[in-house]
Amino acid sequence: MLGHYIQYWQEYCQEENLIGIGSTRKAYRVSSYVIKVNIHPLGFVQSSKEFEIYHSMKNRELHHFLAETLYLTEDFVIQRYYPPLPLQNNQSYDVTEDALPQFHTVAFKDLLSTLDKEFDSFDLKDSSNYGWNDEGQPVLVDYGMTKEVYERQWVPLAESGELPQIEMSECTSCGLVKELRMYGSGDADKRCYSCGKQ
C-alpha cells in the first residue's frame, strides 16, 4: 500500500486529510501514514534530517522513540502516523517529567542526548512534536529541525515575514483564541487557518 501512496501522493494531500501545518511543511494523514509536503525549501531540509536521524537511530536500537520515516523525495516525506499529544488551553507546551513521566526514562534520555549532541536537534521538548505509540509511549514525530538551521535560516526568514511565526490570539473571523500564523511584525491579518489564512 505504501507504494500506492508514493505514486499517487498528490491525490491524498487534500484539505480533508490535513492534520497539521507548520512553517515549512503541511502534514496529511492517509490511513496509518503521514505525508509531510514541503511548502518551503527548508521543509526538505527538515525531512532529509528526519530520514537521516531515523535510520541512524535504527542502527542503535533507539528508533522506537521516533516516527518511522519510510520514504523521502524532494517534495515530501512519508512517516508512520501517531496520534498527537493533547493540547493544553488550545496550545502546545513544554513536556516535563510531571506531565509525561515516560519522557524521562533512561532510554529516552539517551535518545535526547544523542539527538542534541550528534544531530544538533532543536525544540525537543515541544509537545506538538510528539505522538503516542500503541503502547502509550511518547514518539517524536517532528525532529528534523537543527539549532543551526533554526538560527541561521529559519529566524531570519521569520523576521522578514517569509515564514510564519505562531501567535496565540483571537481570530478576527471566528472569534476563537487560536494559534495564528503571523508573517513578520507588519502582518495585520489575524485570521486562523480555518478561516482562510495560510
Protein backbone atom coordinates (compact mmCIF):
# COMPACT_ATOMS: atom_id res chain seq x y z
CA MET A 1 0.00 0.00 0.00
CA LEU A 2 2.91 2.35 0.68
CA GLY A 3 3.94 2.18 -2.97
CA HIS A 4 0.43 3.27 -3.98
CA TYR A 5 0.59 6.32 -1.68
CA ILE A 6 4.02 7.19 -3.03
CA GLN A 7 2.82 7.05 -6.63
CA TYR A 8 -0.46 8.92 -6.07
CA TRP A 9 0.56 11.13 -3.14
CA GLN A 10 -0.96 14.31 -4.57
CA GLU A 11 -4.43 12.72 -4.69
CA TYR A 12 -4.29 12.13 -0.93
CA CYS A 13 -2.84 15.51 0.06
CA GLN A 14 -6.20 17.26 0.09
CA GLU A 15 -7.72 19.59 2.68
CA GLU A 16 -9.93 16.87 4.19
CA ASN A 17 -6.81 14.86 5.10
CA LEU A 18 -4.84 17.81 6.54
CA ILE A 19 -3.80 17.20 10.14
CA GLY A 20 -1.26 19.97 10.63
CA ILE A 21 0.64 22.84 9.11
CA GLY A 22 3.99 24.21 10.17
CA SER A 23 6.09 27.00 8.78
CA THR A 24 7.73 24.79 6.14
CA ARG A 25 5.54 21.68 5.72
CA LYS A 26 1.91 20.53 5.63
CA ALA A 27 1.01 17.13 7.10
CA TYR A 28 -1.73 14.90 5.71
CA ARG A 29 -2.95 11.68 7.29
CA VAL A 30 -3.50 8.77 4.90
CA SER A 31 -4.52 5.56 6.72
CA SER A 32 -1.63 4.71 9.08
CA TYR A 33 0.77 7.11 7.37
CA VAL A 34 1.55 10.83 7.34
CA ILE A 35 2.65 12.58 4.17
CA LYS A 36 4.58 15.74 5.01
CA VAL A 37 4.63 18.03 1.96
CA ASN A 38 7.21 20.78 1.66
CA ILE A 39 5.77 24.29 1.35
CA HIS A 40 9.20 25.91 1.65
CA PRO A 41 12.72 24.65 0.76
CA LEU A 42 13.52 24.36 4.48
CA GLY A 43 10.85 21.66 4.62
CA PHE A 44 13.07 19.41 2.53
CA VAL A 45 15.98 20.16 4.86
CA GLN A 46 13.88 19.05 7.83
CA SER A 47 12.55 15.94 6.10
CA SER A 48 16.04 14.91 5.00
CA LYS A 49 17.31 15.27 8.55
CA GLU A 50 14.41 13.15 9.88
CA PHE A 51 15.24 10.44 7.34
CA GLU A 52 18.92 10.55 8.34
CA ILE A 53 18.20 10.53 12.08
CA TYR A 54 15.66 7.72 11.95
CA HIS A 55 17.93 5.36 10.03
CA SER A 56 20.91 6.23 12.21
CA MET A 57 18.90 5.55 15.38
CA LYS A 58 17.65 2.28 13.89
CA ASN A 59 21.23 1.03 13.89
CA ARG A 60 21.44 1.93 17.59
CA GLU A 61 18.09 0.39 18.61
CA LEU A 62 16.69 3.81 19.59
CA HIS A 63 14.35 4.19 16.61
CA HIS A 64 11.29 3.02 18.60
CA PHE A 65 11.07 6.53 20.05
CA LEU A 66 10.89 8.15 16.59
CA ALA A 67 8.19 8.22 13.95
CA GLU A 68 9.25 5.68 11.36
CA THR A 69 10.46 7.63 8.33
CA LEU A 70 9.81 5.42 5.33
CA TYR A 71 10.27 7.38 2.11
CA LEU A 72 11.85 10.68 1.09
CA THR A 73 11.67 12.79 -2.08
CA GLU A 74 12.33 16.47 -2.81
CA ASP A 75 8.58 17.12 -2.48
CA PHE A 76 7.53 15.05 0.53
CA VAL A 77 8.42 12.52 3.19
CA ILE A 78 6.23 9.65 4.43
CA GLN A 79 6.18 8.61 8.09
CA ARG A 80 4.05 6.38 10.29
CA TYR A 81 1.12 8.18 11.90
CA TYR A 82 0.89 8.54 15.68
CA PRO A 83 -1.96 10.34 17.48
CA PRO A 84 -0.78 13.72 18.84
CA LEU A 85 -0.42 14.65 22.48
CA PRO A 86 -3.43 16.70 23.62
CA LEU A 87 -3.16 20.48 23.69
CA GLN A 88 -3.41 22.48 26.92
CA ASN A 89 -5.58 25.60 26.65
CA ASN A 90 -5.59 25.15 22.86
CA GLN A 91 -1.82 25.33 22.59
CA SER A 92 1.30 23.22 22.79
CA TYR A 93 3.54 23.21 25.89
CA ASP A 94 6.96 22.14 27.11
CA VAL A 95 6.97 18.48 28.06
CA THR A 96 8.05 17.94 31.67
CA GLU A 97 8.59 14.89 33.84
CA ASP A 98 5.40 15.68 35.74
CA ALA A 99 3.34 15.99 32.56
CA LEU A 100 4.86 12.95 30.85
CA PRO A 101 6.88 10.58 33.08
CA GLN A 102 7.81 8.35 30.10
CA PHE A 103 9.78 11.30 28.77
CA HIS A 104 12.43 10.71 31.44
CA THR A 105 13.22 7.01 31.10
CA VAL A 106 16.91 6.16 30.74
CA ALA A 107 16.48 5.05 27.12
CA PHE A 108 14.57 8.19 26.15
CA LYS A 109 17.15 10.40 27.85
CA ASP A 110 19.82 8.56 25.86
CA LEU A 111 17.94 9.35 22.64
CA LEU A 112 17.51 13.03 23.52
CA SER A 113 21.17 13.33 24.45
CA THR A 114 22.22 11.72 21.15
CA LEU A 115 19.92 13.98 19.15
CA ASP A 116 21.29 17.04 20.94
CA LYS A 117 25.00 16.20 20.76
CA GLU A 118 25.28 14.40 17.42
CA PHE A 119 22.49 15.90 15.33
CA ASP A 120 22.20 19.42 16.78
CA SER A 121 18.45 18.80 17.21
CA PHE A 122 16.21 21.70 18.19
CA ASP A 123 12.93 22.01 20.11
CA LEU A 124 12.84 18.52 21.59
CA LYS A 125 10.52 19.45 24.48
CA ASP A 126 7.64 20.97 22.49
CA SER A 127 4.56 18.76 22.92
CA SER A 128 3.48 19.40 19.33
CA ASN A 129 6.50 17.39 18.18
CA TYR A 130 5.24 14.22 19.88
CA GLY A 131 2.66 11.50 19.37
CA TRP A 132 1.65 8.27 21.16
CA ASN A 133 2.55 4.77 20.01
CA ASP A 134 0.34 1.71 20.58
CA GLU A 135 2.00 1.08 23.95
CA GLY A 136 1.16 4.56 25.20
CA GLN A 137 4.76 5.76 24.97
CA PRO A 138 5.82 9.12 23.53
CA VAL A 139 7.22 9.16 20.00
CA LEU A 140 8.94 12.10 18.31
CA VAL A 141 7.07 12.85 15.10
CA ASP A 142 8.76 16.14 14.15
CA TYR A 143 12.50 16.02 14.76
CA GLY A 144 14.23 17.41 11.66
CA MET A 145 14.99 20.99 12.75
CA THR A 146 18.54 21.68 13.91
CA LYS A 147 19.73 24.59 16.03
CA GLU A 148 21.98 25.81 13.22
CA VAL A 149 19.21 25.79 10.60
CA TYR A 150 16.84 27.44 13.05
CA GLU A 151 19.22 30.24 14.00
CA ARG A 152 20.87 30.89 10.62
CA GLN A 153 17.97 30.28 8.25
CA TRP A 154 14.56 29.97 9.93
CA VAL A 155 14.81 33.01 12.25
CA PRO A 156 15.89 35.49 9.54
CA LEU A 157 13.12 34.23 7.23
CA ALA A 158 10.54 34.53 10.02
CA GLU A 159 11.71 38.02 10.97
CA SER A 160 11.48 39.14 7.33
CA GLY A 161 7.94 37.76 7.08
CA GLU A 162 8.69 34.97 4.60
CA LEU A 163 7.95 32.25 7.15
CA PRO A 164 5.17 32.46 9.76
CA GLN A 165 5.63 32.67 13.49
CA ILE A 166 2.89 31.37 15.77
CA GLU A 167 0.97 33.77 18.00
CA MET A 168 -1.82 32.87 20.41
CA SER A 169 -4.54 35.41 19.71
CA GLU A 170 -8.23 35.84 18.91
CA CYS A 171 -9.15 35.16 15.29
CA THR A 172 -10.92 38.20 13.85
CA SER A 173 -13.22 35.93 11.81
CA CYS A 174 -14.40 33.17 14.15
CA GLY A 175 -13.61 34.95 17.44
CA LEU A 176 -11.81 31.93 18.95
CA VAL A 177 -8.41 32.20 20.61
CA LYS A 178 -6.11 30.06 18.48
CA GLU A 179 -2.57 29.72 17.23
CA LEU A 180 -2.35 32.25 14.37
CA ARG A 181 0.25 32.25 11.59
CA MET A 182 1.83 35.71 11.59
CA TYR A 183 4.20 36.83 8.84
CA GLY A 184 6.53 39.47 10.29
CA SER A 185 5.80 42.41 12.58
CA GLY A 186 3.68 44.21 9.96
CA ASP A 187 1.18 41.40 9.48
CA ALA A 188 -2.27 42.69 10.48
CA ASP A 189 -4.28 39.68 9.21
CA LYS A 190 -5.37 37.97 12.43
CA ARG A 191 -7.41 35.14 10.95
CA CYS A 192 -6.79 31.50 11.84
CA TYR A 193 -6.01 28.79 9.30
CA SER A 194 -9.60 27.50 9.41
CA CYS A 195 -10.86 30.95 8.44
CA GLY A 196 -8.64 31.11 5.40
CA LYS A 197 -5.21 32.37 6.38
CA GLN A 198 -2.45 30.17 5.03
